[in-house]
PDB file of all heavy atoms in Angstrom:
ATOM      1  N   GLU A   1     -27.537 -10.486  -0.257  1.00  0.00           N
ATOM      2  CA  GLU A   1     -28.238  -9.518  -1.077  1.00  0.00           C
ATOM      3  C   GLU A   1     -27.281  -8.964  -2.122  1.00  0.00           C
ATOM      4  O   GLU A   1     -26.093  -8.810  -1.875  1.00  0.00           O
ATOM      5  CB  GLU A   1     -28.772  -8.379  -0.213  1.00  0.00           C
ATOM      6  CG  GLU A   1     -29.829  -8.824   0.793  1.00  0.00           C
ATOM      7  CD  GLU A   1     -30.319  -7.651   1.630  1.00  0.00           C
ATOM      8  OE1 GLU A   1     -29.899  -6.517   1.356  1.00  0.00           O
ATOM      9  OE2 GLU A   1     -31.107  -7.903   2.551  1.00  0.00           O
ATOM     10  N   GLN A   2     -27.802  -8.662  -3.305  1.00  0.00           N
ATOM     11  CA  GLN A   2     -26.959  -8.088  -4.341  1.00  0.00           C
ATOM     12  C   GLN A   2     -26.282  -6.825  -3.819  1.00  0.00           C
ATOM     13  O   GLN A   2     -26.913  -5.960  -3.220  1.00  0.00           O
ATOM     14  CB  GLN A   2     -27.802  -7.754  -5.570  1.00  0.00           C
ATOM     15  CG  GLN A   2     -27.003  -7.207  -6.745  1.00  0.00           C
ATOM     16  CD  GLN A   2     -26.015  -8.232  -7.288  1.00  0.00           C
ATOM     17  OE1 GLN A   2     -26.264  -9.420  -7.207  1.00  0.00           O
ATOM     18  NE2 GLN A   2     -24.909  -7.760  -7.824  1.00  0.00           N
ATOM     19  N   GLY A   3     -24.984  -6.718  -4.049  1.00  0.00           N
ATOM     20  CA  GLY A   3     -24.249  -5.545  -3.603  1.00  0.00           C
ATOM     21  C   GLY A   3     -23.858  -5.588  -2.142  1.00  0.00           C
ATOM     22  O   GLY A   3     -23.407  -4.593  -1.604  1.00  0.00           O
ATOM     23  N   ASP A   4     -24.024  -6.727  -1.502  1.00  0.00           N
ATOM     24  CA  ASP A   4     -23.707  -6.843  -0.078  1.00  0.00           C
ATOM     25  C   ASP A   4     -22.695  -7.964   0.136  1.00  0.00           C
ATOM     26  O   ASP A   4     -23.035  -9.047   0.603  1.00  0.00           O
ATOM     27  CB  ASP A   4     -24.980  -7.122   0.721  1.00  0.00           C
ATOM     28  CG  ASP A   4     -24.710  -7.207   2.222  1.00  0.00           C
ATOM     29  OD1 ASP A   4     -23.748  -6.590   2.691  1.00  0.00           O
ATOM     30  OD2 ASP A   4     -25.462  -7.928   2.909  1.00  0.00           O
ATOM     31  N   PRO A   5     -21.421  -7.740  -0.216  1.00  0.00           N
ATOM     32  CA  PRO A   5     -20.411  -8.780  -0.045  1.00  0.00           C
ATOM     33  C   PRO A   5     -20.264  -9.179   1.415  1.00  0.00           C
ATOM     34  O   PRO A   5     -20.475  -8.370   2.305  1.00  0.00           O
ATOM     35  CB  PRO A   5     -19.130  -8.110  -0.560  1.00  0.00           C
ATOM     36  CG  PRO A   5     -19.592  -6.978  -1.386  1.00  0.00           C
ATOM     37  CD  PRO A   5     -20.872  -6.509  -0.779  1.00  0.00           C
ATOM     38  N   ARG A   6     -19.891 -10.421   1.634  1.00  0.00           N
ATOM     39  CA  ARG A   6     -19.675 -10.910   2.989  1.00  0.00           C
ATOM     40  C   ARG A   6     -18.193 -11.169   3.213  1.00  0.00           C
ATOM     41  O   ARG A   6     -17.770 -12.291   3.444  1.00  0.00           O
ATOM     42  CB  ARG A   6     -20.497 -12.172   3.247  1.00  0.00           C
ATOM     43  CG  ARG A   6     -22.001 -11.935   3.271  1.00  0.00           C
ATOM     44  CD  ARG A   6     -22.733 -13.145   3.778  1.00  0.00           C
ATOM     45  NE  ARG A   6     -22.320 -13.463   5.145  1.00  0.00           N
ATOM     46  CZ  ARG A   6     -22.594 -14.631   5.733  1.00  0.00           C
ATOM     47  NH1 ARG A   6     -23.260 -15.569   5.085  1.00  0.00           N
ATOM     48  NH2 ARG A   6     -22.207 -14.859   6.965  1.00  0.00           N
ATOM     49  N   ILE A   7     -17.396 -10.123   3.088  1.00  0.00           N
ATOM     50  CA  ILE A   7     -15.974 -10.250   3.356  1.00  0.00           C
ATOM     51  C   ILE A   7     -15.783 -10.311   4.867  1.00  0.00           C
ATOM     52  O   ILE A   7     -15.899  -9.308   5.565  1.00  0.00           O
ATOM     53  CB  ILE A   7     -15.182  -9.074   2.754  1.00  0.00           C
ATOM     54  CG1 ILE A   7     -15.339  -9.008   1.236  1.00  0.00           C
ATOM     55  CG2 ILE A   7     -13.715  -9.172   3.151  1.00  0.00           C
ATOM     56  CD1 ILE A   7     -14.672 -10.137   0.496  1.00  0.00           C
ATOM     57  N   GLU A   8     -15.531 -11.495   5.358  1.00  0.00           N
ATOM     58  CA  GLU A   8     -15.331 -11.682   6.801  1.00  0.00           C
ATOM     59  C   GLU A   8     -13.974 -11.150   7.245  1.00  0.00           C
ATOM     60  O   GLU A   8     -13.846 -10.605   8.339  1.00  0.00           O
ATOM     61  CB  GLU A   8     -15.408 -13.175   7.146  1.00  0.00           C
ATOM     62  CG  GLU A   8     -16.780 -13.780   6.996  1.00  0.00           C
ATOM     63  CD  GLU A   8     -17.658 -13.470   8.187  1.00  0.00           C
ATOM     64  OE1 GLU A   8     -17.222 -13.700   9.327  1.00  0.00           O
ATOM     65  OE2 GLU A   8     -18.781 -12.996   7.963  1.00  0.00           O
ATOM     66  N   ALA A   9     -12.967 -11.349   6.392  1.00  0.00           N
ATOM     67  CA  ALA A   9     -11.614 -10.982   6.781  1.00  0.00           C
ATOM     68  C   ALA A   9     -10.851 -10.478   5.573  1.00  0.00           C
ATOM     69  O   ALA A   9     -11.047 -10.956   4.453  1.00  0.00           O
ATOM     70  CB  ALA A   9     -10.889 -12.172   7.394  1.00  0.00           C
ATOM     71  N   LEU A  10      -9.975  -9.520   5.817  1.00  0.00           N
ATOM     72  CA  LEU A  10      -9.066  -9.012   4.804  1.00  0.00           C
ATOM     73  C   LEU A  10      -7.663  -9.168   5.376  1.00  0.00           C
ATOM     74  O   LEU A  10      -7.320  -8.541   6.380  1.00  0.00           O
ATOM     75  CB  LEU A  10      -9.378  -7.552   4.487  1.00  0.00           C
ATOM     76  CG  LEU A  10      -8.906  -7.023   3.128  1.00  0.00           C
ATOM     77  CD1 LEU A  10      -9.507  -5.654   2.861  1.00  0.00           C
ATOM     78  CD2 LEU A  10      -7.399  -6.972   3.010  1.00  0.00           C
ATOM     79  N   ILE A  11      -6.881 -10.025   4.744  1.00  0.00           N
ATOM     80  CA  ILE A  11      -5.564 -10.373   5.263  1.00  0.00           C
ATOM     81  C   ILE A  11      -4.506  -9.832   4.313  1.00  0.00           C
ATOM     82  O   ILE A  11      -4.574 -10.050   3.098  1.00  0.00           O
ATOM     83  CB  ILE A  11      -5.408 -11.897   5.411  1.00  0.00           C
ATOM     84  CG1 ILE A  11      -6.556 -12.467   6.270  1.00  0.00           C
ATOM     85  CG2 ILE A  11      -4.057 -12.232   6.033  1.00  0.00           C
ATOM     86  CD1 ILE A  11      -6.571 -13.975   6.364  1.00  0.00           C
ATOM     87  N   THR A  12      -3.533  -9.116   4.860  1.00  0.00           N
ATOM     88  CA  THR A  12      -2.443  -8.539   4.081  1.00  0.00           C
ATOM     89  C   THR A  12      -1.179  -9.345   4.334  1.00  0.00           C
ATOM     90  O   THR A  12      -0.747  -9.479   5.483  1.00  0.00           O
ATOM     91  CB  THR A  12      -2.235  -7.064   4.461  1.00  0.00           C
ATOM     92  OG1 THR A  12      -3.451  -6.337   4.214  1.00  0.00           O
ATOM     93  CG2 THR A  12      -1.109  -6.449   3.655  1.00  0.00           C
ATOM     94  N   THR A  13      -0.569  -9.873   3.262  1.00  0.00           N
ATOM     95  CA  THR A  13       0.605 -10.735   3.443  1.00  0.00           C
ATOM     96  C   THR A  13       1.848  -9.953   3.824  1.00  0.00           C
ATOM     97  O   THR A  13       2.732 -10.483   4.502  1.00  0.00           O
ATOM     98  CB  THR A  13       0.909 -11.544   2.177  1.00  0.00           C
ATOM     99  OG1 THR A  13       1.179 -10.645   1.072  1.00  0.00           O
ATOM    100  CG2 THR A  13      -0.244 -12.466   1.821  1.00  0.00           C
ATOM    101  N   HIS A  14       1.929  -8.676   3.382  1.00  0.00           N
ATOM    102  CA  HIS A  14       3.072  -7.838   3.759  1.00  0.00           C
ATOM    103  C   HIS A  14       2.780  -6.397   3.379  1.00  0.00           C
ATOM    104  O   HIS A  14       1.801  -6.102   2.685  1.00  0.00           O
ATOM    105  CB  HIS A  14       4.368  -8.338   3.129  1.00  0.00           C
ATOM    106  CG  HIS A  14       4.425  -8.242   1.637  1.00  0.00           C
ATOM    107  ND1 HIS A  14       3.668  -9.059   0.813  1.00  0.00           N
ATOM    108  CD2 HIS A  14       5.129  -7.426   0.816  1.00  0.00           C
ATOM    109  CE1 HIS A  14       3.924  -8.754  -0.443  1.00  0.00           C
ATOM    110  NE2 HIS A  14       4.806  -7.764  -0.470  1.00  0.00           N
ATOM    111  N   SER A  15       3.645  -5.501   3.807  1.00  0.00           N
ATOM    112  CA  SER A  15       3.324  -4.074   3.795  1.00  0.00           C
ATOM    113  C   SER A  15       3.824  -3.305   2.587  1.00  0.00           C
ATOM    114  O   SER A  15       3.706  -2.082   2.553  1.00  0.00           O
ATOM    115  CB  SER A  15       3.895  -3.420   5.066  1.00  0.00           C
ATOM    116  OG  SER A  15       5.310  -3.562   5.102  1.00  0.00           O
ATOM    117  N   HIS A  16       4.370  -3.956   1.581  1.00  0.00           N
ATOM    118  CA  HIS A  16       4.871  -3.200   0.436  1.00  0.00           C
ATOM    119  C   HIS A  16       3.732  -2.482  -0.279  1.00  0.00           C
ATOM    120  O   HIS A  16       2.619  -2.994  -0.397  1.00  0.00           O
ATOM    121  CB  HIS A  16       5.633  -4.111  -0.519  1.00  0.00           C
ATOM    122  CG  HIS A  16       7.026  -4.402  -0.049  1.00  0.00           C
ATOM    123  ND1 HIS A  16       7.788  -5.429  -0.559  1.00  0.00           N
ATOM    124  CD2 HIS A  16       7.806  -3.794   0.901  1.00  0.00           C
ATOM    125  CE1 HIS A  16       8.971  -5.447   0.046  1.00  0.00           C
ATOM    126  NE2 HIS A  16       8.997  -4.472   0.932  1.00  0.00           N
ATOM    127  N   TRP A  17       4.048  -1.292  -0.782  1.00  0.00           N
ATOM    128  CA  TRP A  17       3.042  -0.364  -1.309  1.00  0.00           C
ATOM    129  C   TRP A  17       2.136  -0.984  -2.355  1.00  0.00           C
ATOM    130  O   TRP A  17       0.948  -0.682  -2.412  1.00  0.00           O
ATOM    131  CB  TRP A  17       3.743   0.870  -1.888  1.00  0.00           C
ATOM    132  CG  TRP A  17       4.568   0.552  -3.109  1.00  0.00           C
ATOM    133  CD1 TRP A  17       5.839   0.076  -3.134  1.00  0.00           C
ATOM    134  CD2 TRP A  17       4.163   0.670  -4.468  1.00  0.00           C
ATOM    135  NE1 TRP A  17       6.264  -0.126  -4.415  1.00  0.00           N
ATOM    136  CE2 TRP A  17       5.251   0.240  -5.267  1.00  0.00           C
ATOM    137  CE3 TRP A  17       2.991   1.108  -5.101  1.00  0.00           C
ATOM    138  CZ2 TRP A  17       5.208   0.231  -6.650  1.00  0.00           C
ATOM    139  CZ3 TRP A  17       2.944   1.091  -6.490  1.00  0.00           C
ATOM    140  CH2 TRP A  17       4.044   0.663  -7.259  1.00  0.00           C
ATOM    141  N   ASP A  18       2.689  -1.861  -3.202  1.00  0.00           N
ATOM    142  CA  ASP A  18       1.892  -2.390  -4.305  1.00  0.00           C
ATOM    143  C   ASP A  18       0.860  -3.413  -3.844  1.00  0.00           C
ATOM    144  O   ASP A  18      -0.014  -3.791  -4.630  1.00  0.00           O
ATOM    145  CB  ASP A  18       2.785  -2.982  -5.396  1.00  0.00           C
ATOM    146  CG  ASP A  18       3.702  -4.092  -4.909  1.00  0.00           C
ATOM    147  OD1 ASP A  18       4.360  -3.891  -3.860  1.00  0.00           O
ATOM    148  OD2 ASP A  18       3.771  -5.146  -5.563  1.00  0.00           O
ATOM    149  N   HIS A  19       0.923  -3.837  -2.597  1.00  0.00           N
ATOM    150  CA  HIS A  19      -0.035  -4.821  -2.079  1.00  0.00           C
ATOM    151  C   HIS A  19      -1.125  -4.193  -1.207  1.00  0.00           C
ATOM    152  O   HIS A  19      -2.008  -4.920  -0.734  1.00  0.00           O
ATOM    153  CB  HIS A  19       0.695  -5.902  -1.284  1.00  0.00           C
ATOM    154  CG  HIS A  19       1.469  -6.839  -2.153  1.00  0.00           C
ATOM    155  ND1 HIS A  19       1.009  -8.083  -2.517  1.00  0.00           N
ATOM    156  CD2 HIS A  19       2.664  -6.688  -2.768  1.00  0.00           C
ATOM    157  CE1 HIS A  19       1.898  -8.664  -3.305  1.00  0.00           C
ATOM    158  NE2 HIS A  19       2.909  -7.836  -3.467  1.00  0.00           N
ATOM    159  N   ILE A  20      -1.085  -2.881  -1.006  1.00  0.00           N
ATOM    160  CA  ILE A  20      -2.015  -2.282  -0.034  1.00  0.00           C
ATOM    161  C   ILE A  20      -2.735  -1.040  -0.553  1.00  0.00           C
ATOM    162  O   ILE A  20      -3.423  -0.365   0.205  1.00  0.00           O
ATOM    163  CB  ILE A  20      -1.281  -1.935   1.278  1.00  0.00           C
ATOM    164  CG1 ILE A  20      -0.146  -0.941   1.042  1.00  0.00           C
ATOM    165  CG2 ILE A  20      -0.740  -3.200   1.945  1.00  0.00           C
ATOM    166  CD1 ILE A  20       0.516  -0.442   2.327  1.00  0.00           C
ATOM    167  N   ARG A  21      -2.638  -0.742  -1.832  1.00  0.00           N
ATOM    168  CA  ARG A  21      -3.203   0.522  -2.332  1.00  0.00           C
ATOM    169  C   ARG A  21      -4.730   0.568  -2.269  1.00  0.00           C
ATOM    170  O   ARG A  21      -5.316   1.646  -2.168  1.00  0.00           O
ATOM    171  CB  ARG A  21      -2.706   0.802  -3.751  1.00  0.00           C
ATOM    172  CG  ARG A  21      -1.259   1.258  -3.784  1.00  0.00           C
ATOM    173  CD  ARG A  21      -0.777   1.524  -5.188  1.00  0.00           C
ATOM    174  NE  ARG A  21      -0.506   0.272  -5.899  1.00  0.00           N
ATOM    175  CZ  ARG A  21      -0.038   0.226  -7.153  1.00  0.00           C
ATOM    176  NH1 ARG A  21       0.178   1.357  -7.827  1.00  0.00           N
ATOM    177  NH2 ARG A  21       0.207  -0.935  -7.724  1.00  0.00           N
ATOM    178  N   ALA A  22      -5.383  -0.591  -2.362  1.00  0.00           N
ATOM    179  CA  ALA A  22      -6.850  -0.619  -2.263  1.00  0.00           C
ATOM    180  C   ALA A  22      -7.330  -0.924  -0.847  1.00  0.00           C
ATOM    181  O   ALA A  22      -8.536  -1.021  -0.610  1.00  0.00           O
ATOM    182  CB  ALA A  22      -7.436  -1.644  -3.239  1.00  0.00           C
ATOM    183  N   LEU A  23      -6.406  -1.057   0.083  1.00  0.00           N
ATOM    184  CA  LEU A  23      -6.776  -1.453   1.439  1.00  0.00           C
ATOM    185  C   LEU A  23      -7.715  -0.453   2.116  1.00  0.00           C
ATOM    186  O   LEU A  23      -8.741  -0.869   2.688  1.00  0.00           O
ATOM    187  CB  LEU A  23      -5.511  -1.676   2.275  1.00  0.00           C
ATOM    188  CG  LEU A  23      -5.683  -2.210   3.684  1.00  0.00           C
ATOM    189  CD1 LEU A  23      -6.390  -3.553   3.689  1.00  0.00           C
ATOM    190  CD2 LEU A  23      -4.320  -2.325   4.373  1.00  0.00           C
ATOM    191  N   PRO A  24      -7.464   0.849   2.085  1.00  0.00           N
ATOM    192  CA  PRO A  24      -8.380   1.769   2.771  1.00  0.00           C
ATOM    193  C   PRO A  24      -9.812   1.688   2.250  1.00  0.00           C
ATOM    194  O   PRO A  24     -10.769   1.671   3.045  1.00  0.00           O
ATOM    195  CB  PRO A  24      -7.766   3.149   2.499  1.00  0.00           C
ATOM    196  CG  PRO A  24      -6.329   2.885   2.238  1.00  0.00           C
ATOM    197  CD  PRO A  24      -6.295   1.571   1.517  1.00  0.00           C
ATOM    198  N   THR A  25      -9.984   1.636   0.932  1.00  0.00           N
ATOM    199  CA  THR A  25     -11.331   1.588   0.372  1.00  0.00           C
ATOM    200  C   THR A  25     -11.996   0.255   0.673  1.00  0.00           C
ATOM    201  O   THR A  25     -13.198   0.200   0.968  1.00  0.00           O
ATOM    202  CB  THR A  25     -11.287   1.823  -1.149  1.00  0.00           C
ATOM    203  OG1 THR A  25     -10.572   3.025  -1.411  1.00  0.00           O
ATOM    204  CG2 THR A  25     -12.689   1.940  -1.722  1.00  0.00           C
ATOM    205  N   ALA A  26     -11.227  -0.826   0.610  1.00  0.00           N
ATOM    206  CA  ALA A  26     -11.790  -2.140   0.919  1.00  0.00           C
ATOM    207  C   ALA A  26     -12.253  -2.215   2.366  1.00  0.00           C
ATOM    208  O   ALA A  26     -13.326  -2.753   2.666  1.00  0.00           O
ATOM    209  CB  ALA A  26     -10.764  -3.228   0.630  1.00  0.00           C
ATOM    210  N   VAL A  27     -11.466  -1.667   3.278  1.00  0.00           N
ATOM    211  CA  VAL A  27     -11.847  -1.672   4.692  1.00  0.00           C
ATOM    212  C   VAL A  27     -13.099  -0.821   4.904  1.00  0.00           C
ATOM    213  O   VAL A  27     -14.034  -1.217   5.619  1.00  0.00           O
ATOM    214  CB  VAL A  27     -10.682  -1.171   5.561  1.00  0.00           C
ATOM    215  CG1 VAL A  27     -11.140  -0.938   6.993  1.00  0.00           C
ATOM    216  CG2 VAL A  27      -9.532  -2.186   5.539  1.00  0.00           C
ATOM    217  N   ALA A  28     -13.148   0.346   4.281  1.00  0.00           N
ATOM    218  CA  ALA A  28     -14.314   1.223   4.438  1.00  0.00           C
ATOM    219  C   ALA A  28     -15.571   0.610   3.840  1.00  0.00           C
ATOM    220  O   ALA A  28     -16.677   0.784   4.364  1.00  0.00           O
ATOM    221  CB  ALA A  28     -14.031   2.572   3.779  1.00  0.00           C
ATOM    222  N   THR A  29     -15.425  -0.141   2.761  1.00  0.00           N
ATOM    223  CA  THR A  29     -16.584  -0.723   2.066  1.00  0.00           C
ATOM    224  C   THR A  29     -17.105  -1.973   2.758  1.00  0.00           C
ATOM    225  O   THR A  29     -18.316  -2.134   2.933  1.00  0.00           O
ATOM    226  CB  THR A  29     -16.206  -1.065   0.611  1.00  0.00           C
ATOM    227  OG1 THR A  29     -15.771   0.123  -0.056  1.00  0.00           O
ATOM    228  CG2 THR A  29     -17.396  -1.659  -0.138  1.00  0.00           C
ATOM    229  N   TYR A  30     -16.214  -2.857   3.148  1.00  0.00           N
ATOM    230  CA  TYR A  30     -16.625  -4.172   3.655  1.00  0.00           C
ATOM    231  C   TYR A  30     -16.676  -4.265   5.174  1.00  0.00           C
ATOM    232  O   TYR A  30     -17.286  -5.197   5.708  1.00  0.00           O
ATOM    233  CB  TYR A  30     -15.665  -5.254   3.138  1.00  0.00           C
ATOM    234  CG  TYR A  30     -15.552  -5.331   1.645  1.00  0.00           C
ATOM    235  CD1 TYR A  30     -14.306  -5.472   1.044  1.00  0.00           C
ATOM    236  CD2 TYR A  30     -16.669  -5.293   0.819  1.00  0.00           C
ATOM    237  CE1 TYR A  30     -14.175  -5.558  -0.335  1.00  0.00           C
ATOM    238  CE2 TYR A  30     -16.554  -5.377  -0.559  1.00  0.00           C
ATOM    239  CZ  TYR A  30     -15.297  -5.513  -1.125  1.00  0.00           C
ATOM    240  OH  TYR A  30     -15.169  -5.600  -2.494  1.00  0.00           O
ATOM    241  N   SER A  31     -15.985  -3.387   5.881  1.00  0.00           N
ATOM    242  CA  SER A  31     -15.854  -3.468   7.348  1.00  0.00           C
ATOM    243  C   SER A  31     -15.431  -4.861   7.808  1.00  0.00           C
ATOM    244  O   SER A  31     -16.050  -5.464   8.698  1.00  0.00           O
ATOM    245  CB  SER A  31     -17.182  -3.079   8.018  1.00  0.00           C
ATOM    246  OG  SER A  31     -17.540  -1.760   7.704  1.00  0.00           O
ATOM    247  N   PRO A  32     -14.363  -5.390   7.210  1.00  0.00           N
ATOM    248  CA  PRO A  32     -13.942  -6.736   7.590  1.00  0.00           C
ATOM    249  C   PRO A  32     -13.056  -6.721   8.827  1.00  0.00           C
ATOM    250  O   PRO A  32     -12.553  -5.672   9.237  1.00  0.00           O
ATOM    251  CB  PRO A  32     -13.111  -7.167   6.381  1.00  0.00           C
ATOM    252  CG  PRO A  32     -12.436  -5.883   5.971  1.00  0.00           C
ATOM    253  CD  PRO A  32     -13.446  -4.784   6.233  1.00  0.00           C
ATOM    254  N   ALA A  33     -12.837  -7.884   9.407  1.00  0.00           N
ATOM    255  CA  ALA A  33     -11.740  -8.039  10.351  1.00  0.00           C
ATOM    256  C   ALA A  33     -10.446  -7.959   9.544  1.00  0.00           C
ATOM    257  O   ALA A  33     -10.345  -8.546   8.471  1.00  0.00           O
ATOM    258  CB  ALA A  33     -11.831  -9.380  11.064  1.00  0.00           C
ATOM    259  N   THR A  34      -9.464  -7.195  10.028  1.00  0.00           N
ATOM    260  CA  THR A  34      -8.218  -7.004   9.295  1.00  0.00           C
ATOM    261  C   THR A  34      -7.054  -7.671  10.017  1.00  0.00           C
ATOM    262  O   THR A  34      -6.974  -7.660  11.248  1.00  0.00           O
ATOM    263  CB  THR A  34      -7.920  -5.509   9.096  1.00  0.00           C
ATOM    264  OG1 THR A  34      -7.975  -4.839  10.374  1.00  0.00           O
ATOM    265  CG2 THR A  34      -8.930  -4.876   8.153  1.00  0.00           C
ATOM    266  N   TYR A  35      -6.137  -8.238   9.218  1.00  0.00           N
ATOM    267  CA  TYR A  35      -5.018  -9.013   9.747  1.00  0.00           C
ATOM    268  C   TYR A  35      -3.758  -8.704   8.947  1.00  0.00           C
ATOM    269  O   TYR A  35      -3.802  -8.515   7.728  1.00  0.00           O
ATOM    270  CB  TYR A  35      -5.282 -10.517   9.623  1.00  0.00           C
ATOM    271  CG  TYR A  35      -6.472 -11.033  10.385  1.00  0.00           C
ATOM    272  CD1 TYR A  35      -7.759 -10.885   9.876  1.00  0.00           C
ATOM    273  CD2 TYR A  35      -6.318 -11.696  11.600  1.00  0.00           C
ATOM    274  CE1 TYR A  35      -8.865 -11.369  10.561  1.00  0.00           C
ATOM    275  CE2 TYR A  35      -7.418 -12.189  12.287  1.00  0.00           C
ATOM    276  CZ  TYR A  35      -8.687 -12.020  11.761  1.00  0.00           C
ATOM    277  OH  TYR A  35      -9.778 -12.500  12.436  1.00  0.00           O
TER     278      TYR A  35
END
């Protein structure tokens, strides 16, 4: 459905600040499995 992404997984390659700034909002929006 429009506006209903199917993000199955959100994978973070490493923890440096510049790679994770959108992580909280992405997790709250998509409810993916996180790795």
